[in-house]
Amino acid sequence: MDLLQALRERRSVRHYTDQMPSDEQIDKIIEAGLCAPSGKNRQDTIIISVTNRAMRDRISAMNREI
Protein backbone atom coordinates (compact mmCIF):
# COMPACT_ATOMS: atom_id res chain seq x y z
CA MET A 1 0.00 0.00 0.00
CA ASP A 2 1.47 3.36 -0.94
CA LEU A 3 1.29 6.45 1.25
CA LEU A 4 -1.44 8.26 -0.69
CA GLN A 5 -3.66 5.18 -0.69
CA ALA A 6 -3.13 4.76 3.07
CA LEU A 7 -4.08 8.40 3.67
CA ARG A 8 -7.21 8.11 1.51
CA GLU A 9 -8.38 4.90 3.18
CA ARG A 10 -7.61 5.95 6.76
CA ARG A 11 -10.49 5.35 9.16
CA SER A 12 -11.21 6.22 12.77
CA VAL A 13 -12.17 3.48 15.20
CA ARG A 14 -15.27 4.24 17.26
CA HIS A 15 -15.63 0.98 19.18
CA TYR A 16 -13.44 -1.97 19.99
CA THR A 17 -13.76 -5.73 20.38
CA ASP A 18 -12.37 -7.94 23.13
CA GLN A 19 -10.20 -9.75 20.58
CA MET A 20 -6.47 -9.17 21.06
CA PRO A 21 -4.41 -8.34 17.96
CA SER A 22 -1.94 -10.98 16.81
CA ASP A 23 1.75 -10.72 17.68
CA GLU A 24 2.44 -9.93 14.02
CA GLN A 25 -0.03 -7.03 14.08
CA ILE A 26 1.48 -5.70 17.32
CA ASP A 27 4.97 -5.86 15.80
CA LYS A 28 3.80 -3.87 12.76
CA ILE A 29 2.19 -1.22 14.97
CA ILE A 30 5.38 -0.91 17.03
CA GLU A 31 7.49 -0.63 13.87
CA ALA A 32 5.21 2.15 12.56
CA GLY A 33 5.48 3.97 15.89
CA LEU A 34 9.26 3.74 15.86
CA CYS A 35 9.35 5.21 12.34
CA ALA A 36 7.00 8.08 13.19
CA PRO A 37 8.50 11.57 13.45
CA SER A 38 8.92 13.31 16.78
CA GLY A 39 9.12 16.97 17.72
CA LYS A 40 12.35 18.36 16.27
CA ASN A 41 13.46 14.72 16.07
CA ARG A 42 14.78 15.02 19.62
CA GLN A 43 12.62 12.59 21.57
CA ASP A 44 13.67 9.00 22.06
CA THR A 45 10.71 6.75 21.42
CA ILE A 46 9.73 4.25 24.08
CA ILE A 47 6.95 1.83 23.20
CA ILE A 48 5.69 -0.69 25.73
CA SER A 49 3.45 -3.50 24.53
CA VAL A 50 1.11 -4.75 27.25
CA THR A 51 -0.62 -7.94 26.15
CA ASN A 52 -1.70 -9.17 29.59
CA ARG A 53 -5.32 -8.08 30.06
CA ALA A 54 -5.10 -7.81 33.86
CA MET A 55 -1.97 -5.66 33.66
CA ARG A 56 -3.55 -3.49 30.96
CA ASP A 57 -6.62 -2.90 33.15
CA ARG A 58 -4.41 -2.06 36.14
CA ILE A 59 -2.38 0.48 34.13
CA SER A 60 -5.59 1.95 32.74
CA ALA A 61 -7.02 2.39 36.25
CA MET A 62 -3.79 4.05 37.44
CA ASN A 63 -3.90 6.36 34.43
CA ARG A 64 -7.49 7.42 35.26
CA GLU A 65 -6.35 8.46 38.73
CA ILE A 66 -3.78 10.92 37.39
C-alpha atoms as a PDB file:
ATOM      1  CA  MET A   1       0.000   0.000   0.000  1.00  0.00           C
ATOM      2  CA  ASP A   2       1.475   3.361  -0.939  1.00  0.00           C
ATOM      3  CA  LEU A   3       1.288   6.445   1.253  1.00  0.00           C
ATOM      4  CA  LEU A   4      -1.445   8.257  -0.688  1.00  0.00           C
ATOM      5  CA  GLN A   5      -3.656   5.179  -0.686  1.00  0.00           C
ATOM      6  CA  ALA A   6      -3.134   4.765   3.066  1.00  0.00           C
ATOM      7  CA  LEU A   7      -4.085   8.402   3.667  1.00  0.00           C
ATOM      8  CA  ARG A   8      -7.210   8.113   1.511  1.00  0.00           C
ATOM      9  CA  GLU A   9      -8.381   4.902   3.183  1.00  0.00           C
ATOM     10  CA  ARG A  10      -7.609   5.947   6.764  1.00  0.00           C
ATOM     11  CA  ARG A  11     -10.491   5.348   9.157  1.00  0.00           C
ATOM     12  CA  SER A  12     -11.213   6.224  12.770  1.00  0.00           C
ATOM     13  CA  VAL A  13     -12.170   3.479  15.199  1.00  0.00           C
ATOM     14  CA  ARG A  14     -15.272   4.239  17.259  1.00  0.00           C
ATOM     15  CA  HIS A  15     -15.634   0.982  19.176  1.00  0.00           C
ATOM     16  CA  TYR A  16     -13.437  -1.971  19.987  1.00  0.00           C
ATOM     17  CA  THR A  17     -13.762  -5.726  20.383  1.00  0.00           C
ATOM     18  CA  ASP A  18     -12.369  -7.941  23.132  1.00  0.00           C
ATOM     19  CA  GLN A  19     -10.205  -9.754  20.581  1.00  0.00           C
ATOM     20  CA  MET A  20      -6.472  -9.166  21.058  1.00  0.00           C
ATOM     21  CA  PRO A  21      -4.411  -8.342  17.964  1.00  0.00           C
ATOM     22  CA  SER A  22      -1.945 -10.979  16.809  1.00  0.00           C
ATOM     23  CA  ASP A  23       1.749 -10.723  17.685  1.00  0.00           C
ATOM     24  CA  GLU A  24       2.440  -9.932  14.024  1.00  0.00           C
ATOM     25  CA  GLN A  25      -0.032  -7.027  14.082  1.00  0.00           C
ATOM     26  CA  ILE A  26       1.475  -5.696  17.316  1.00  0.00           C
ATOM     27  CA  ASP A  27       4.971  -5.865  15.800  1.00  0.00           C
ATOM     28  CA  LYS A  28       3.796  -3.870  12.757  1.00  0.00           C
ATOM     29  CA  ILE A  29       2.186  -1.224  14.970  1.00  0.00           C
ATOM     30  CA  ILE A  30       5.378  -0.908  17.028  1.00  0.00           C
ATOM     31  CA  GLU A  31       7.486  -0.631  13.870  1.00  0.00           C
ATOM     32  CA  ALA A  32       5.214   2.153  12.564  1.00  0.00           C
ATOM     33  CA  GLY A  33       5.483   3.971  15.889  1.00  0.00           C
ATOM     34  CA  LEU A  34       9.264   3.742  15.864  1.00  0.00           C
ATOM     35  CA  CYS A  35       9.351   5.212  12.343  1.00  0.00           C
ATOM     36  CA  ALA A  36       6.997   8.080  13.191  1.00  0.00           C
ATOM     37  CA  PRO A  37       8.498  11.566  13.447  1.00  0.00           C
ATOM     38  CA  SER A  38       8.924  13.307  16.781  1.00  0.00           C
ATOM     39  CA  GLY A  39       9.116  16.973  17.724  1.00  0.00           C
ATOM     40  CA  LYS A  40      12.351  18.357  16.272  1.00  0.00           C
ATOM     41  CA  ASN A  41      13.461  14.721  16.067  1.00  0.00           C
ATOM     42  CA  ARG A  42      14.784  15.019  19.623  1.00  0.00           C
ATOM     43  CA  GLN A  43      12.621  12.588  21.565  1.00  0.00           C
ATOM     44  CA  ASP A  44      13.672   9.003  22.056  1.00  0.00           C
ATOM     45  CA  THR A  45      10.715   6.750  21.422  1.00  0.00           C
ATOM     46  CA  ILE A  46       9.726   4.249  24.079  1.00  0.00           C
ATOM     47  CA  ILE A  47       6.947   1.826  23.202  1.00  0.00           C
ATOM     48  CA  ILE A  48       5.694  -0.688  25.728  1.00  0.00           C
ATOM     49  CA  SER A  49       3.451  -3.499  24.526  1.00  0.00           C
ATOM     50  CA  VAL A  50       1.113  -4.751  27.253  1.00  0.00           C
ATOM     51  CA  THR A  51      -0.619  -7.945  26.150  1.00  0.00           C
ATOM     52  CA  ASN A  52      -1.696  -9.174  29.587  1.00  0.00           C
ATOM     53  CA  ARG A  53      -5.319  -8.081  30.058  1.00  0.00           C
ATOM     54  CA  ALA A  54      -5.104  -7.809  33.857  1.00  0.00           C
ATOM     55  CA  MET A  55      -1.972  -5.660  33.661  1.00  0.00           C
ATOM     56  CA  ARG A  56      -3.549  -3.493  30.963  1.00  0.00           C
ATOM     57  CA  ASP A  57      -6.619  -2.900  33.149  1.00  0.00           C
ATOM     58  CA  ARG A  58      -4.408  -2.064  36.137  1.00  0.00           C
ATOM     59  CA  ILE A  59      -2.381   0.477  34.132  1.00  0.00           C
ATOM     60  CA  SER A  60      -5.595   1.946  32.735  1.00  0.00           C
ATOM     61  CA  ALA A  61      -7.020   2.386  36.247  1.00  0.00           C
ATOM     62  CA  MET A  62      -3.793   4.048  37.441  1.00  0.00           C
ATOM     63  CA  ASN A  63      -3.898   6.365  34.430  1.00  0.00           C
ATOM     64  CA  ARG A  64      -7.494   7.418  35.257  1.00  0.00           C
ATOM     65  CA  GLU A  65      -6.345   8.463  38.735  1.00  0.00           C
ATOM     66  CA  ILE A  66      -3.776  10.920  37.390  1.00  0.00           C
END
